[in-house]
Amino acid sequence: MTSMLEVFNPATGEKIETVPQQSRQEVEAAVERSHKAFQKWSKTSAAERASLLKKWFDLIMEHKEELAEMITLENGKPYKEAAGEVIYAAGYIEWYAEEAKRIYGRTVPASVTNKRIVVTRQAVGPVAAITPWNFPAAMITRKAAPALAAGCTFIIKPAPDTPLTALELVRLGHEAGIPKDVLQCVIGDGEEIGSIFTSHPLIRKITFTGSTPVGKHLIKNSADTVKHVSMELGGHAPLIVDEDANIDLAVKQAMLSKYRNAGQTCVCANRLIVHESVKDEFAEKLRAEVAKLKVGNGLEEGVTVGPIINKKGFQKIVEQINDAVDKGAKVLIGAEYDSDDEKACYFVHPTVLTDVDLSMTIMHEETFGPVAPIISFKTIDEAIEIANDTPYGLAAYFFTENYRRGIYLSERLEYGILGWNDGGPSTVQAPFGGMKESGIGREGGLEGIEPYLETKYLSIGLDE
């Protein structure tokens, strides 16, 4: 008997849909089909793959309103944000449709006259992707588009909270002409499917976006078959506001970074590190902007902050706020909650905390919620020390009008993505990824297709 997965709207608790889950045997069969399809797909021309990706892009844009509504229904984010995600997600497909035609090899001058050296690039093989719920469209296309462009086949295992977006993206891909066994989606138990992906010898690459502990587990389990891995893991982003910063700009960009998707992003500003001379001005202006936000169902007019995805995430946020307040932090605004265990609906009102210090949990653990803790600093080196005091290194933001100070910060912050006077640096054209325990590899830009390619060296011997 087929097991079914119920999908709920986190803003209302209403059941949206029921979808079938795949058994172990069905997932293993999907891997076998992916391997078989790779033999043909990897031999298609770059122009053919590019053409199919462009058709996929066109279909997504044609159905962008329906996709946005689907994202809001199963994820909870405001419709406007969901619509932006669809366009962002489609952008990766458009970008890598062009990059498919730019996979170049090279010739290398040999040290002797009777040899020629040729370096070529080839698709790595069948790819398995495990994607999160917070960006259910973009986190799929950011992986699938370069993989397909490179000539790899691709299996998606989406988060159980948001399978509908994944299924619809795959359906549109098939409608565009991408063969069904080249682009597949499997729904089911994450631990079981992850185990199949990491242990199966026919899967040659694992790509994952999610928490650092799960990423470490996948890396360990992939070692026995020496798979390629790409990991986009946790973050704990600092946002530094220097004494010479444009405060209005810093507040505007902090709002963009911190409260998008109710703070449920791996690159959102988690620690606001503000120079003591501008701390009060920044905090008050931030409070005034936060007061304008509206919490609720993302499909309702004017809502700017949706629900927390589940009870576990909600409890973590509440615990971090309570810990900070117990240790002396002041609530400038927020720290209010609307929760309904019966409906499984959880809302956290956007919060700003001041008088924060390093003893508080919120300064050391990723929050994944709409909470902005503000800590002050005296010197720029102190700010850098606070910012780097974490095992994570995904994204960091800093605001200064002094170009020397900006360069100084950019060279010393231990993060893979930096926003200088910019709270939203993510874009399809640039590499996205972290340092330290925030991951392995990059997604997006020219670098994003590299993890899906093998390098092959051919030495040709010639007659004397």
Protein backbone atom coordinates (compact mmCIF):
# COMPACT_ATOMS: atom_id res chain seq x y z
CA MET A 1 0.00 0.00 0.00
CA THR A 2 1.35 3.42 -1.00
CA SER A 3 2.21 5.72 1.90
CA MET A 4 0.77 9.23 1.59
CA LEU A 5 2.18 12.57 2.74
CA GLU A 6 -0.23 15.27 3.86
CA VAL A 7 0.79 18.86 3.09
CA PHE A 8 -0.53 21.67 5.29
CA ASN A 9 -0.68 25.45 5.09
CA PRO A 10 1.46 26.67 8.04
CA ALA A 11 -0.56 29.88 8.25
CA THR A 12 -3.96 28.22 8.69
CA GLY A 13 -3.36 24.56 9.49
CA GLU A 14 -5.55 23.54 6.57
CA LYS A 15 -4.63 20.50 4.52
CA ILE A 16 -3.66 21.54 1.01
CA GLU A 17 -2.92 18.27 -0.68
CA THR A 18 -1.97 14.63 -0.20
CA VAL A 19 0.87 13.21 -2.28
CA PRO A 20 2.25 9.66 -2.59
CA GLN A 21 5.58 8.81 -1.01
CA GLN A 22 8.07 6.52 -2.69
CA SER A 23 9.23 3.29 -1.05
CA ARG A 24 12.88 2.26 -0.78
CA GLN A 25 12.45 0.06 -3.84
CA GLU A 26 10.92 2.92 -5.82
CA VAL A 27 13.74 5.29 -4.90
CA GLU A 28 16.35 2.70 -5.85
CA ALA A 29 14.52 2.19 -9.15
CA ALA A 30 14.62 5.95 -9.73
CA VAL A 31 18.39 5.87 -9.24
CA GLU A 32 18.69 3.04 -11.75
CA ARG A 33 16.62 4.99 -14.28
CA SER A 34 18.72 8.09 -13.68
CA HIS A 35 21.89 6.12 -14.39
CA LYS A 36 20.45 4.63 -17.56
CA ALA A 37 19.20 8.03 -18.77
CA PHE A 38 22.61 9.56 -18.10
CA GLN A 39 24.16 7.39 -20.81
CA LYS A 40 22.09 9.22 -23.42
CA TRP A 41 21.61 12.65 -21.81
CA SER A 42 25.33 13.19 -21.28
CA LYS A 43 25.87 12.70 -25.01
CA THR A 44 23.31 15.29 -26.13
CA SER A 45 24.70 18.51 -27.55
CA ALA A 46 25.07 21.58 -25.39
CA ALA A 47 22.75 23.39 -27.78
CA GLU A 48 20.03 20.80 -27.26
CA ARG A 49 20.31 20.94 -23.47
CA ALA A 50 20.27 24.75 -23.62
CA SER A 51 17.14 24.73 -25.76
CA LEU A 52 15.27 22.50 -23.31
CA LEU A 53 16.34 24.63 -20.36
CA LYS A 54 15.08 27.76 -22.12
CA LYS A 55 11.72 26.08 -22.70
CA TRP A 56 11.61 25.16 -19.01
CA PHE A 57 12.35 28.77 -18.10
CA ASP A 58 9.57 29.99 -20.39
CA LEU A 59 7.03 27.61 -18.86
CA ILE A 60 7.93 28.64 -15.32
CA MET A 61 7.49 32.29 -16.23
CA GLU A 62 4.20 31.48 -17.93
CA HIS A 63 2.96 29.84 -14.71
CA LYS A 64 4.67 32.18 -12.24
CA GLU A 65 1.46 33.30 -10.52
CA GLU A 66 0.31 29.73 -9.86
CA LEU A 67 3.75 28.75 -8.60
CA ALA A 68 3.90 31.77 -6.31
CA GLU A 69 0.52 30.92 -4.80
CA MET A 70 1.63 27.32 -4.31
CA ILE A 71 4.79 28.46 -2.49
CA THR A 72 2.78 30.72 -0.20
CA LEU A 73 0.28 27.96 0.53
CA GLU A 74 2.82 25.34 1.58
CA ASN A 75 5.65 27.57 2.86
CA GLY A 76 3.72 30.52 4.30
CA LYS A 77 5.84 33.39 2.98
CA PRO A 78 3.97 36.48 1.70
CA TYR A 79 2.77 36.19 -1.89
CA LYS A 80 4.98 39.08 -3.05
CA GLU A 81 8.06 37.29 -1.72
CA ALA A 82 6.94 34.03 -3.30
CA ALA A 83 6.48 35.77 -6.66
CA GLY A 84 9.99 37.14 -6.35
CA GLU A 85 11.32 33.68 -5.57
CA VAL A 86 9.76 32.23 -8.72
CA ILE A 87 11.48 34.83 -10.89
CA TYR A 88 14.75 34.28 -9.02
CA ALA A 89 14.41 30.51 -9.44
CA ALA A 90 13.69 30.81 -13.15
CA GLY A 91 16.74 33.04 -13.50
CA TYR A 92 19.05 30.14 -12.70
CA ILE A 93 17.57 28.11 -15.53
CA GLU A 94 17.94 31.00 -17.97
CA TRP A 95 21.54 31.59 -16.86
CA TYR A 96 22.68 27.98 -17.11
CA ALA A 97 20.96 27.51 -20.46
CA GLU A 98 23.69 29.84 -21.73
CA GLU A 99 26.47 28.36 -19.60
CA ALA A 100 25.77 24.93 -21.14
CA LYS A 101 27.40 26.26 -24.31
CA ARG A 102 30.47 27.56 -22.46
CA ILE A 103 31.90 24.37 -21.01
CA TYR A 104 35.40 24.60 -22.40
CA GLY A 105 38.43 22.34 -22.40
CA ARG A 106 41.94 23.37 -23.35
CA THR A 107 45.16 22.26 -24.98
CA VAL A 108 48.42 22.39 -23.06
CA PRO A 109 51.89 22.71 -24.63
CA ALA A 110 53.77 19.47 -24.05
CA SER A 111 57.38 19.34 -22.92
CA VAL A 112 58.29 17.14 -25.90
CA THR A 113 57.50 17.51 -29.60
CA ASN A 114 55.92 14.08 -30.09
CA LYS A 115 53.04 14.55 -27.64
CA ARG A 116 49.85 16.58 -27.50
CA ILE A 117 47.96 17.31 -24.29
CA VAL A 118 44.20 17.86 -24.30
CA VAL A 119 42.03 18.62 -21.25
CA THR A 120 38.28 18.03 -21.56
CA ARG A 121 35.28 18.43 -19.27
CA GLN A 122 32.55 15.83 -18.86
CA ALA A 123 29.41 15.49 -16.75
CA VAL A 124 30.09 13.93 -13.36
CA GLY A 125 27.12 11.53 -13.54
CA PRO A 126 23.71 11.11 -11.88
CA VAL A 127 23.13 13.73 -9.19
CA ALA A 128 20.93 13.48 -6.09
CA ALA A 129 19.70 16.70 -4.49
CA ILE A 130 18.16 17.22 -1.07
CA THR A 131 16.50 20.62 -0.85
CA PRO A 132 14.94 22.70 1.96
CA TRP A 133 11.52 24.20 2.57
CA ASN A 134 12.47 27.87 2.96
CA PHE A 135 13.05 28.47 -0.76
CA PRO A 136 11.27 25.49 -2.31
CA ALA A 137 11.69 26.67 -5.91
CA ALA A 138 15.02 28.50 -5.97
CA MET A 139 16.95 25.85 -4.06
CA ILE A 140 15.90 23.30 -6.68
CA THR A 141 16.69 25.30 -9.81
CA ARG A 142 20.00 26.56 -8.42
CA LYS A 143 21.11 22.93 -8.39
CA ALA A 144 19.12 21.36 -11.22
CA ALA A 145 19.88 23.97 -13.88
CA PRO A 146 23.70 23.67 -13.80
CA ALA A 147 23.51 19.90 -13.40
CA LEU A 148 21.29 19.48 -16.45
CA ALA A 149 23.33 22.02 -18.40
CA ALA A 150 26.49 20.03 -17.68
CA GLY A 151 24.89 16.80 -18.91
CA CYS A 152 24.05 15.22 -15.56
CA THR A 153 20.77 13.55 -14.70
CA PHE A 154 19.04 14.83 -11.58
CA ILE A 155 16.87 13.45 -8.76
CA ILE A 156 15.27 15.84 -6.27
CA LYS A 157 14.24 14.95 -2.74
CA PRO A 158 12.35 18.05 -1.50
CA ALA A 159 11.52 18.89 2.10
CA PRO A 160 8.33 17.18 3.36
CA ASP A 161 6.83 20.59 4.19
CA THR A 162 7.00 21.80 0.58
CA PRO A 163 6.78 18.94 -1.95
CA LEU A 164 4.15 20.55 -4.17
CA THR A 165 6.46 23.21 -5.60
CA ALA A 166 9.04 20.56 -6.43
CA LEU A 167 6.51 18.33 -8.15
CA GLU A 168 5.18 21.23 -10.22
CA LEU A 169 8.67 22.35 -11.27
CA VAL A 170 9.47 18.82 -12.41
CA ARG A 171 6.16 18.59 -14.26
CA LEU A 172 6.94 21.81 -16.12
CA GLY A 173 10.42 20.49 -16.91
CA HIS A 174 8.90 17.40 -18.48
CA GLU A 175 6.42 19.56 -20.39
CA ALA A 176 9.41 21.50 -21.73
CA GLY A 177 10.80 18.27 -23.16
CA ILE A 178 13.33 17.23 -20.52
CA PRO A 179 13.08 13.40 -20.41
CA LYS A 180 11.28 12.07 -17.35
CA ASP A 181 14.19 9.91 -16.21
CA VAL A 182 16.61 12.82 -16.61
CA LEU A 183 14.68 14.98 -14.12
CA GLN A 184 12.94 13.10 -11.29
CA CYS A 185 11.41 13.87 -7.91
CA VAL A 186 11.08 11.43 -5.02
CA ILE A 187 9.00 12.07 -1.90
CA GLY A 188 9.48 10.23 1.36
CA ASP A 189 11.41 9.73 4.56
CA GLY A 190 14.45 11.99 4.55
CA GLU A 191 16.72 9.68 6.49
CA GLU A 192 15.91 6.66 4.34
CA ILE A 193 16.20 8.47 1.02
CA GLY A 194 19.37 10.21 2.14
CA SER A 195 20.84 6.83 3.03
CA ILE A 196 20.01 5.48 -0.43
CA PHE A 197 21.49 8.51 -2.15
CA THR A 198 24.74 8.46 -0.19
CA SER A 199 25.32 4.71 -0.38
CA HIS A 200 24.21 3.93 -3.93
CA PRO A 201 27.24 3.53 -6.22
CA LEU A 202 25.36 4.88 -9.25
CA ILE A 203 24.84 8.30 -7.66
CA ARG A 204 28.05 10.21 -8.32
CA LYS A 205 27.23 13.50 -6.63
CA ILE A 206 25.21 14.69 -3.64
CA THR A 207 24.10 18.31 -3.41
CA PHE A 208 22.38 19.50 -0.24
CA THR A 209 21.04 22.70 1.27
CA GLY A 210 20.16 22.52 4.95
CA SER A 211 21.61 22.37 8.43
CA THR A 212 25.28 21.81 9.18
CA PRO A 213 24.70 18.67 11.31
CA VAL A 214 22.75 16.99 8.50
CA GLY A 215 25.35 18.11 5.97
CA LYS A 216 28.13 16.53 8.03
CA HIS A 217 26.12 13.30 8.21
CA LEU A 218 25.69 13.23 4.43
CA ILE A 219 29.39 13.91 3.87
CA LYS A 220 30.37 11.03 6.15
CA ASN A 221 27.93 8.64 4.51
CA SER A 222 29.11 9.63 1.03
CA ALA A 223 32.71 8.77 1.83
CA ASP A 224 32.39 5.02 1.28
CA THR A 225 31.62 5.56 -2.41
CA VAL A 226 33.79 8.71 -2.66
CA LYS A 227 31.04 10.87 -4.09
CA HIS A 228 31.36 14.48 -5.11
CA VAL A 229 29.51 16.65 -2.59
CA SER A 230 28.23 20.22 -2.58
CA MET A 231 26.98 21.49 0.75
CA GLU A 232 25.21 24.80 1.40
CA LEU A 233 24.82 24.67 5.17
CA GLY A 234 23.97 26.83 8.17
CA GLY A 235 24.87 30.45 8.73
CA HIS A 236 24.96 33.03 11.49
CA ALA A 237 25.35 36.24 9.53
CA PRO A 238 26.69 39.38 11.17
CA LEU A 239 25.62 42.84 10.02
CA ILE A 240 28.13 45.51 10.99
CA VAL A 241 27.13 49.18 11.07
CA ASP A 242 30.17 51.43 11.37
CA GLU A 243 30.15 54.93 12.86
CA ASP A 244 30.30 56.59 9.42
CA ALA A 245 27.55 54.43 7.87
CA ASN A 246 24.49 55.81 6.14
CA ILE A 247 22.08 54.82 8.90
CA ASP A 248 18.94 55.05 6.80
CA LEU A 249 20.49 52.76 4.18
CA ALA A 250 21.73 50.36 6.85
CA VAL A 251 18.24 50.14 8.38
CA LYS A 252 16.60 49.59 4.98
CA GLN A 253 19.02 46.81 4.08
CA ALA A 254 18.84 45.25 7.55
CA MET A 255 15.07 45.02 7.13
CA LEU A 256 15.54 43.28 3.79
CA SER A 257 18.06 40.82 5.17
CA LYS A 258 16.50 40.12 8.57
CA TYR A 259 12.75 39.87 8.08
CA ARG A 260 12.40 38.33 4.62
CA ASN A 261 10.67 34.94 4.89
CA ALA A 262 10.12 35.68 8.59
CA GLY A 263 13.88 35.45 9.13
CA GLN A 264 13.91 31.83 7.97
CA THR A 265 16.91 32.10 5.65
CA CYS A 266 20.47 30.90 6.06
CA VAL A 267 21.89 34.28 5.02
CA CYS A 268 19.66 36.58 7.06
CA ALA A 269 21.33 39.02 9.45
CA ASN A 270 21.38 37.22 12.79
CA ARG A 271 23.68 39.53 14.74
CA LEU A 272 23.49 43.30 14.31
CA ILE A 273 26.85 44.68 15.41
CA VAL A 274 26.52 48.47 15.64
CA HIS A 275 29.07 51.13 16.60
CA GLU A 276 28.30 52.56 20.03
CA SER A 277 28.06 56.12 18.67
CA VAL A 278 25.17 55.28 16.31
CA LYS A 279 23.59 52.36 18.20
CA ASP A 280 20.62 54.29 19.60
CA GLU A 281 19.83 56.03 16.31
CA PHE A 282 20.03 52.76 14.38
CA ALA A 283 17.93 50.87 16.93
CA GLU A 284 15.16 53.48 16.99
CA LYS A 285 14.97 53.73 13.20
CA LEU A 286 14.92 49.96 12.93
CA ARG A 287 12.14 49.78 15.52
CA ALA A 288 10.10 52.31 13.55
CA GLU A 289 10.39 50.25 10.36
CA VAL A 290 9.64 46.97 12.13
CA ALA A 291 6.45 48.52 13.53
CA LYS A 292 5.17 48.82 9.94
CA LEU A 293 5.34 45.07 9.31
CA LYS A 294 2.15 43.03 9.29
CA VAL A 295 2.07 39.41 10.47
CA GLY A 296 -0.37 36.88 9.06
CA ASN A 297 -1.42 34.65 6.18
CA GLY A 298 0.83 35.38 3.22
CA LEU A 299 -2.13 35.37 0.82
CA GLU A 300 -3.81 38.25 2.65
CA GLU A 301 -3.37 41.81 1.44
CA GLY A 302 -0.62 43.75 3.18
CA VAL A 303 0.95 40.84 5.06
CA THR A 304 4.74 41.13 5.12
CA VAL A 305 5.69 38.43 7.66
CA GLY A 306 4.30 34.92 7.46
CA PRO A 307 4.32 31.99 9.90
CA ILE A 308 7.18 29.98 11.32
CA ILE A 309 7.26 26.69 9.44
CA ASN A 310 6.67 24.38 12.42
CA LYS A 311 6.55 24.05 16.20
CA LYS A 312 10.21 23.06 16.55
CA GLY A 313 11.35 26.22 14.81
CA PHE A 314 8.91 28.32 16.83
CA GLN A 315 10.11 26.91 20.15
CA LYS A 316 13.75 27.60 19.29
CA ILE A 317 13.00 31.25 18.56
CA VAL A 318 11.01 31.71 21.78
CA GLU A 319 13.76 30.03 23.81
CA GLN A 320 16.41 32.33 22.35
CA ILE A 321 14.36 35.46 23.06
CA ASN A 322 13.62 34.33 26.63
CA ASP A 323 17.27 33.49 27.23
CA ALA A 324 18.35 36.93 26.04
CA VAL A 325 15.76 38.75 28.14
CA ASP A 326 16.63 36.68 31.22
CA LYS A 327 20.27 37.75 30.77
CA GLY A 328 19.47 41.45 30.49
CA ALA A 329 18.42 42.16 26.91
CA LYS A 330 15.65 44.70 26.39
CA VAL A 331 12.75 44.17 24.00
CA LEU A 332 12.48 47.29 21.85
CA ILE A 333 9.58 45.82 19.90
CA GLY A 334 8.04 42.39 19.40
CA ALA A 335 8.53 39.26 21.50
CA GLU A 336 4.84 38.58 20.91
CA TYR A 337 3.53 35.25 19.71
CA ASP A 338 0.42 33.78 18.13
CA SER A 339 0.42 30.01 18.32
CA ASP A 340 -2.17 27.28 17.93
CA ASP A 341 -0.94 23.76 18.64
CA GLU A 342 -4.21 22.25 17.46
CA LYS A 343 -3.85 23.81 14.00
CA ALA A 344 -0.01 23.73 14.11
CA CYS A 345 0.17 27.44 13.30
CA TYR A 346 2.98 29.51 14.79
CA PHE A 347 3.69 33.22 14.37
CA VAL A 348 6.46 35.33 15.91
CA HIS A 349 6.01 39.08 15.69
CA PRO A 350 9.14 40.82 14.37
CA THR A 351 11.41 41.55 17.29
CA VAL A 352 14.31 43.89 18.04
CA LEU A 353 16.49 43.29 21.11
CA THR A 354 18.97 45.80 22.55
CA ASP A 355 21.56 45.57 25.34
CA VAL A 356 22.61 42.21 23.94
CA ASP A 357 25.89 40.65 25.04
CA LEU A 358 27.98 37.61 24.15
CA SER A 359 26.63 35.49 27.01
CA MET A 360 23.31 35.10 25.20
CA THR A 361 22.50 32.03 23.10
CA ILE A 362 21.16 34.17 20.27
CA MET A 363 24.68 35.46 19.63
CA HIS A 364 26.06 31.96 19.07
CA GLU A 365 23.28 29.90 17.48
CA GLU A 366 21.36 30.45 14.26
CA THR A 367 17.88 31.74 15.10
CA PHE A 368 15.92 31.16 11.88
CA GLY A 369 13.28 33.66 12.90
CA PRO A 370 12.36 37.37 12.80
CA VAL A 371 14.55 38.49 15.70
CA ALA A 372 17.22 41.21 15.45
CA PRO A 373 19.63 41.33 18.41
CA ILE A 374 21.75 44.50 18.54
CA ILE A 375 25.18 44.47 20.18
CA SER A 376 27.50 47.48 20.22
CA PHE A 377 31.23 47.79 19.53
CA LYS A 378 33.94 50.40 20.06
CA THR A 379 36.59 49.53 17.45
CA ILE A 380 36.34 47.93 14.04
CA ASP A 381 38.64 45.11 15.12
CA GLU A 382 36.26 44.35 17.98
CA ALA A 383 33.40 44.17 15.47
CA ILE A 384 35.40 41.79 13.28
CA GLU A 385 36.23 39.60 16.27
CA ILE A 386 32.54 39.36 17.23
CA ALA A 387 31.55 38.66 13.62
CA ASN A 388 34.11 35.88 13.15
CA ASP A 389 33.41 34.24 16.52
CA THR A 390 31.33 31.42 15.03
CA PRO A 391 31.94 28.12 13.25
CA TYR A 392 29.85 29.44 10.36
CA GLY A 393 30.99 31.54 7.43
CA LEU A 394 28.18 31.88 4.91
CA ALA A 395 27.20 35.56 4.59
CA ALA A 396 28.15 38.82 6.29
CA TYR A 397 27.09 42.42 5.78
CA PHE A 398 28.81 45.69 6.62
CA PHE A 399 27.88 49.33 6.22
CA THR A 400 30.49 52.05 5.91
CA GLU A 401 31.10 55.02 3.62
CA ASN A 402 34.88 54.73 4.11
CA TYR A 403 36.36 52.72 1.25
CA ARG A 404 39.53 51.87 3.18
CA ARG A 405 37.41 50.59 6.06
CA GLY A 406 35.27 48.62 3.63
CA ILE A 407 38.26 46.90 2.05
CA TYR A 408 39.68 46.21 5.51
CA LEU A 409 36.44 44.51 6.52
CA SER A 410 36.09 42.56 3.27
CA GLU A 411 39.55 41.06 3.67
CA ARG A 412 39.13 40.07 7.33
CA LEU A 413 35.59 38.78 7.57
CA GLU A 414 35.62 34.97 7.28
CA TYR A 415 32.59 34.62 5.02
CA GLY A 416 31.98 33.41 1.48
CA ILE A 417 29.39 36.08 0.67
CA LEU A 418 29.81 39.73 1.62
CA GLY A 419 27.38 42.60 1.23
CA TRP A 420 28.99 46.06 1.45
CA ASN A 421 26.12 48.52 1.91
CA ASP A 422 23.96 45.70 0.51
CA GLY A 423 21.61 43.46 2.46
CA GLY A 424 20.60 41.30 -0.49
CA PRO A 425 23.67 40.18 -2.46
CA SER A 426 22.29 36.85 -3.71
CA THR A 427 22.05 36.77 -7.51
CA VAL A 428 22.20 34.12 -10.22
CA GLN A 429 25.33 35.64 -11.76
CA ALA A 430 27.54 35.29 -8.68
CA PRO A 431 28.86 32.32 -6.66
CA PHE A 432 26.86 31.52 -3.51
CA GLY A 433 28.49 29.48 -0.76
CA GLY A 434 30.25 29.59 2.56
CA MET A 435 33.50 29.10 4.41
CA LYS A 436 34.23 27.07 7.55
CA GLU A 437 31.23 24.91 8.58
CA SER A 438 28.84 26.68 6.23
CA GLY A 439 29.55 24.39 3.35
CA ILE A 440 31.57 23.04 0.45
CA GLY A 441 31.46 24.43 -3.07
CA ARG A 442 29.58 27.26 -4.75
CA GLU A 443 26.23 27.60 -6.51
CA GLY A 444 25.41 30.26 -9.07
CA GLY A 445 27.58 32.16 -11.52
CA LEU A 446 30.37 30.65 -13.55
CA GLU A 447 31.48 28.63 -10.52
CA GLY A 448 28.07 26.97 -10.15
CA ILE A 449 28.51 24.54 -13.03
CA GLU A 450 31.99 23.39 -12.00
CA PRO A 451 30.82 20.91 -9.32
CA TYR A 452 28.89 18.98 -11.98
CA LEU A 453 31.91 18.46 -14.22
CA GLU A 454 34.82 16.05 -14.23
CA THR A 455 38.19 16.99 -15.70
CA LYS A 456 39.71 14.47 -18.09
CA TYR A 457 43.30 14.64 -19.36
CA LEU A 458 44.27 13.04 -22.69
CA SER A 459 47.90 12.57 -23.67
CA ILE A 460 48.38 11.80 -27.37
CA GLY A 461 51.62 10.21 -28.49
CA LEU A 462 52.76 10.93 -32.05
CA ASP A 463 55.18 9.09 -34.30
CA GLU A 464 58.66 10.56 -34.40
